[in-house]
Amino acid sequence: MPPKGGKKKGVIIDGVDTTQMTREQIEVLALKIKEENEREREERNFFQLERDKLRTFWEITRTELEEARAQLR
């Protein structure tokens, strides 16, 4: 089989084909993606902490309820 043609396939990001972008545009895009990734990571950590607080609160409240029921018996 003969080798396939040398046609490059680019990725379309923000409506622009990366093969059409200059090096500077790609660098700016990479920084933008990196900043967005960091923001998403911080947001994820925040929500995990909130989830842990709620779970702890729920467990404490459930234990208190069980103790109150035991006292009523």
N, C-alpha and C. Protein backbone atom coordinates (compact mmCIF):
# COMPACT_ATOMS: atom_id res chain seq x y z
N MET A 1 0.84 -1.18 0.00
CA MET A 1 0.00 0.00 0.00
C MET A 1 0.88 1.24 0.00
N PRO A 2 0.53 2.20 -0.77
CA PRO A 2 1.31 3.44 -0.77
C PRO A 2 1.03 4.23 0.50
N PRO A 3 1.98 5.05 0.95
CA PRO A 3 1.75 5.86 2.16
C PRO A 3 0.62 6.85 1.93
N LYS A 4 -0.04 7.13 3.02
CA LYS A 4 -1.16 8.07 2.95
C LYS A 4 -0.65 9.47 2.69
N GLY A 5 -1.53 10.31 2.18
CA GLY A 5 -1.16 11.69 1.85
C GLY A 5 -0.74 12.46 3.08
N GLY A 6 0.00 13.52 2.89
CA GLY A 6 0.53 14.31 3.99
C GLY A 6 -0.42 15.38 4.46
N LYS A 7 -1.72 15.16 4.32
CA LYS A 7 -2.68 16.17 4.75
C LYS A 7 -2.76 16.20 6.27
N LYS A 8 -2.58 17.38 6.85
CA LYS A 8 -2.62 17.53 8.30
C LYS A 8 -4.07 17.69 8.74
N LYS A 9 -4.36 17.06 9.85
CA LYS A 9 -5.69 17.23 10.44
C LYS A 9 -5.53 18.10 11.68
N GLY A 10 -6.23 19.19 11.73
CA GLY A 10 -6.15 20.09 12.86
C GLY A 10 -7.36 19.91 13.76
N VAL A 11 -7.26 20.45 14.92
CA VAL A 11 -8.34 20.43 15.88
C VAL A 11 -9.02 21.79 15.85
N ILE A 12 -10.34 21.78 15.87
CA ILE A 12 -11.08 23.05 15.84
C ILE A 12 -11.33 23.48 17.28
N ILE A 13 -10.80 24.64 17.65
CA ILE A 13 -10.95 25.19 18.99
C ILE A 13 -11.46 26.61 18.85
N ASP A 14 -12.53 26.92 19.56
CA ASP A 14 -13.15 28.24 19.49
C ASP A 14 -13.47 28.63 18.04
N GLY A 15 -13.87 27.64 17.25
CA GLY A 15 -14.28 27.91 15.88
C GLY A 15 -13.14 28.14 14.91
N VAL A 16 -11.89 27.93 15.35
CA VAL A 16 -10.74 28.14 14.47
C VAL A 16 -9.93 26.85 14.41
N ASP A 17 -9.58 26.46 13.21
CA ASP A 17 -8.75 25.28 13.00
C ASP A 17 -7.33 25.59 13.48
N THR A 18 -6.76 24.68 14.29
CA THR A 18 -5.43 24.94 14.85
C THR A 18 -4.35 24.99 13.78
N THR A 19 -4.58 24.38 12.63
CA THR A 19 -3.58 24.46 11.57
C THR A 19 -3.52 25.86 10.98
N GLN A 20 -4.57 26.66 11.22
CA GLN A 20 -4.62 28.03 10.72
C GLN A 20 -4.06 29.03 11.73
N MET A 21 -3.77 28.57 12.95
CA MET A 21 -3.33 29.47 14.01
C MET A 21 -1.82 29.66 13.98
N THR A 22 -1.38 30.83 14.43
CA THR A 22 0.05 31.09 14.56
C THR A 22 0.52 30.53 15.90
N ARG A 23 1.81 30.47 16.06
CA ARG A 23 2.38 29.95 17.31
C ARG A 23 1.91 30.79 18.50
N GLU A 24 1.90 32.10 18.33
CA GLU A 24 1.48 32.99 19.42
C GLU A 24 0.02 32.74 19.80
N GLN A 25 -0.84 32.55 18.80
CA GLN A 25 -2.25 32.28 19.07
C GLN A 25 -2.40 30.97 19.84
N ILE A 26 -1.62 29.96 19.47
CA ILE A 26 -1.69 28.67 20.16
C ILE A 26 -1.19 28.81 21.59
N GLU A 27 -0.14 29.61 21.80
CA GLU A 27 0.38 29.82 23.15
C GLU A 27 -0.65 30.53 24.02
N VAL A 28 -1.32 31.54 23.46
CA VAL A 28 -2.36 32.26 24.20
C VAL A 28 -3.50 31.30 24.55
N LEU A 29 -3.88 30.47 23.60
CA LEU A 29 -4.94 29.50 23.83
C LEU A 29 -4.54 28.51 24.92
N ALA A 30 -3.29 28.06 24.89
CA ALA A 30 -2.80 27.12 25.90
C ALA A 30 -2.85 27.75 27.30
N LEU A 31 -2.47 29.02 27.41
CA LEU A 31 -2.53 29.70 28.71
C LEU A 31 -3.97 29.84 29.19
N LYS A 32 -4.85 30.15 28.25
CA LYS A 32 -6.27 30.29 28.58
C LYS A 32 -6.84 28.96 29.10
N ILE A 33 -6.49 27.87 28.45
CA ILE A 33 -6.95 26.55 28.87
C ILE A 33 -6.36 26.18 30.23
N LYS A 34 -5.09 26.52 30.43
CA LYS A 34 -4.43 26.23 31.71
C LYS A 34 -5.10 26.99 32.86
N GLU A 35 -5.43 28.27 32.64
CA GLU A 35 -6.10 29.07 33.66
C GLU A 35 -7.49 28.51 33.96
N GLU A 36 -8.20 28.12 32.92
CA GLU A 36 -9.53 27.55 33.11
C GLU A 36 -9.45 26.24 33.88
N ASN A 37 -8.45 25.44 33.59
CA ASN A 37 -8.25 24.18 34.29
C ASN A 37 -7.99 24.42 35.78
N GLU A 38 -7.15 25.40 36.08
CA GLU A 38 -6.84 25.73 37.48
C GLU A 38 -8.10 26.22 38.21
N ARG A 39 -8.90 27.05 37.54
CA ARG A 39 -10.13 27.54 38.14
C ARG A 39 -11.10 26.38 38.42
N GLU A 40 -11.20 25.47 37.48
CA GLU A 40 -12.07 24.30 37.66
C GLU A 40 -11.58 23.44 38.82
N ARG A 41 -10.27 23.29 38.94
CA ARG A 41 -9.70 22.49 40.04
C ARG A 41 -10.02 23.13 41.39
N GLU A 42 -9.87 24.45 41.48
CA GLU A 42 -10.19 25.15 42.73
C GLU A 42 -11.67 25.02 43.07
N GLU A 43 -12.52 25.14 42.06
CA GLU A 43 -13.96 25.01 42.29
C GLU A 43 -14.31 23.60 42.75
N ARG A 44 -13.69 22.61 42.15
CA ARG A 44 -13.92 21.21 42.54
C ARG A 44 -13.52 20.99 43.99
N ASN A 45 -12.35 21.51 44.38
CA ASN A 45 -11.90 21.37 45.77
C ASN A 45 -12.87 22.04 46.73
N PHE A 46 -13.38 23.21 46.36
CA PHE A 46 -14.34 23.91 47.20
C PHE A 46 -15.59 23.06 47.42
N PHE A 47 -16.11 22.50 46.35
CA PHE A 47 -17.33 21.71 46.46
C PHE A 47 -17.09 20.41 47.23
N GLN A 48 -15.90 19.85 47.12
CA GLN A 48 -15.59 18.66 47.91
C GLN A 48 -15.56 18.99 49.40
N LEU A 49 -15.00 20.15 49.75
CA LEU A 49 -14.99 20.57 51.15
C LEU A 49 -16.40 20.79 51.67
N GLU A 50 -17.24 21.42 50.85
CA GLU A 50 -18.63 21.64 51.24
C GLU A 50 -19.35 20.31 51.44
N ARG A 51 -19.11 19.37 50.54
CA ARG A 51 -19.73 18.05 50.65
C ARG A 51 -19.30 17.37 51.95
N ASP A 52 -18.01 17.45 52.28
CA ASP A 52 -17.50 16.84 53.50
C ASP A 52 -18.11 17.49 54.74
N LYS A 53 -18.29 18.81 54.72
CA LYS A 53 -18.92 19.50 55.85
C LYS A 53 -20.35 19.02 56.04
N LEU A 54 -21.08 18.92 54.94
CA LEU A 54 -22.48 18.46 55.03
C LEU A 54 -22.55 17.03 55.54
N ARG A 55 -21.67 16.19 55.05
CA ARG A 55 -21.67 14.79 55.50
C ARG A 55 -21.37 14.70 56.99
N THR A 56 -20.40 15.47 57.47
CA THR A 56 -20.06 15.47 58.89
C THR A 56 -21.24 15.98 59.72
N PHE A 57 -21.86 17.06 59.27
CA PHE A 57 -23.03 17.60 59.96
C PHE A 57 -24.13 16.56 60.02
N TRP A 58 -24.37 15.86 58.92
CA TRP A 58 -25.42 14.84 58.88
C TRP A 58 -25.12 13.71 59.87
N GLU A 59 -23.88 13.26 59.92
CA GLU A 59 -23.51 12.17 60.83
C GLU A 59 -23.66 12.59 62.28
N ILE A 60 -23.25 13.81 62.61
CA ILE A 60 -23.39 14.30 63.99
C ILE A 60 -24.87 14.39 64.37
N THR A 61 -25.68 14.93 63.47
CA THR A 61 -27.10 15.09 63.74
C THR A 61 -27.77 13.73 63.90
N ARG A 62 -27.40 12.77 63.06
CA ARG A 62 -27.99 11.43 63.15
C ARG A 62 -27.62 10.77 64.48
N THR A 63 -26.38 10.94 64.92
CA THR A 63 -25.94 10.38 66.20
C THR A 63 -26.71 11.02 67.35
N GLU A 64 -26.89 12.34 67.30
CA GLU A 64 -27.65 13.03 68.34
C GLU A 64 -29.09 12.56 68.38
N LEU A 65 -29.68 12.33 67.21
CA LEU A 65 -31.04 11.83 67.14
C LEU A 65 -31.14 10.44 67.76
N GLU A 66 -30.20 9.58 67.46
CA GLU A 66 -30.20 8.23 68.03
C GLU A 66 -30.07 8.29 69.56
N GLU A 67 -29.22 9.20 70.06
CA GLU A 67 -29.04 9.34 71.51
C GLU A 67 -30.33 9.87 72.15
N ALA A 68 -30.99 10.81 71.52
CA ALA A 68 -32.24 11.35 72.05
C ALA A 68 -33.32 10.28 72.07
N ARG A 69 -33.42 9.46 71.06
CA ARG A 69 -34.38 8.37 71.03
C ARG A 69 -34.09 7.35 72.13
N ALA A 70 -32.80 7.08 72.35
CA ALA A 70 -32.42 6.13 73.40
C ALA A 70 -32.81 6.68 74.76
N GLN A 71 -32.67 7.97 74.99
CA GLN A 71 -33.06 8.56 76.27
C GLN A 71 -34.56 8.50 76.47
N LEU A 72 -35.32 8.67 75.41
CA LEU A 72 -36.78 8.62 75.53
C LEU A 72 -37.26 7.21 75.87
N ARG A 73 -36.55 6.22 75.41
CA ARG A 73 -36.93 4.83 75.73
C ARG A 73 -36.72 4.60 77.20
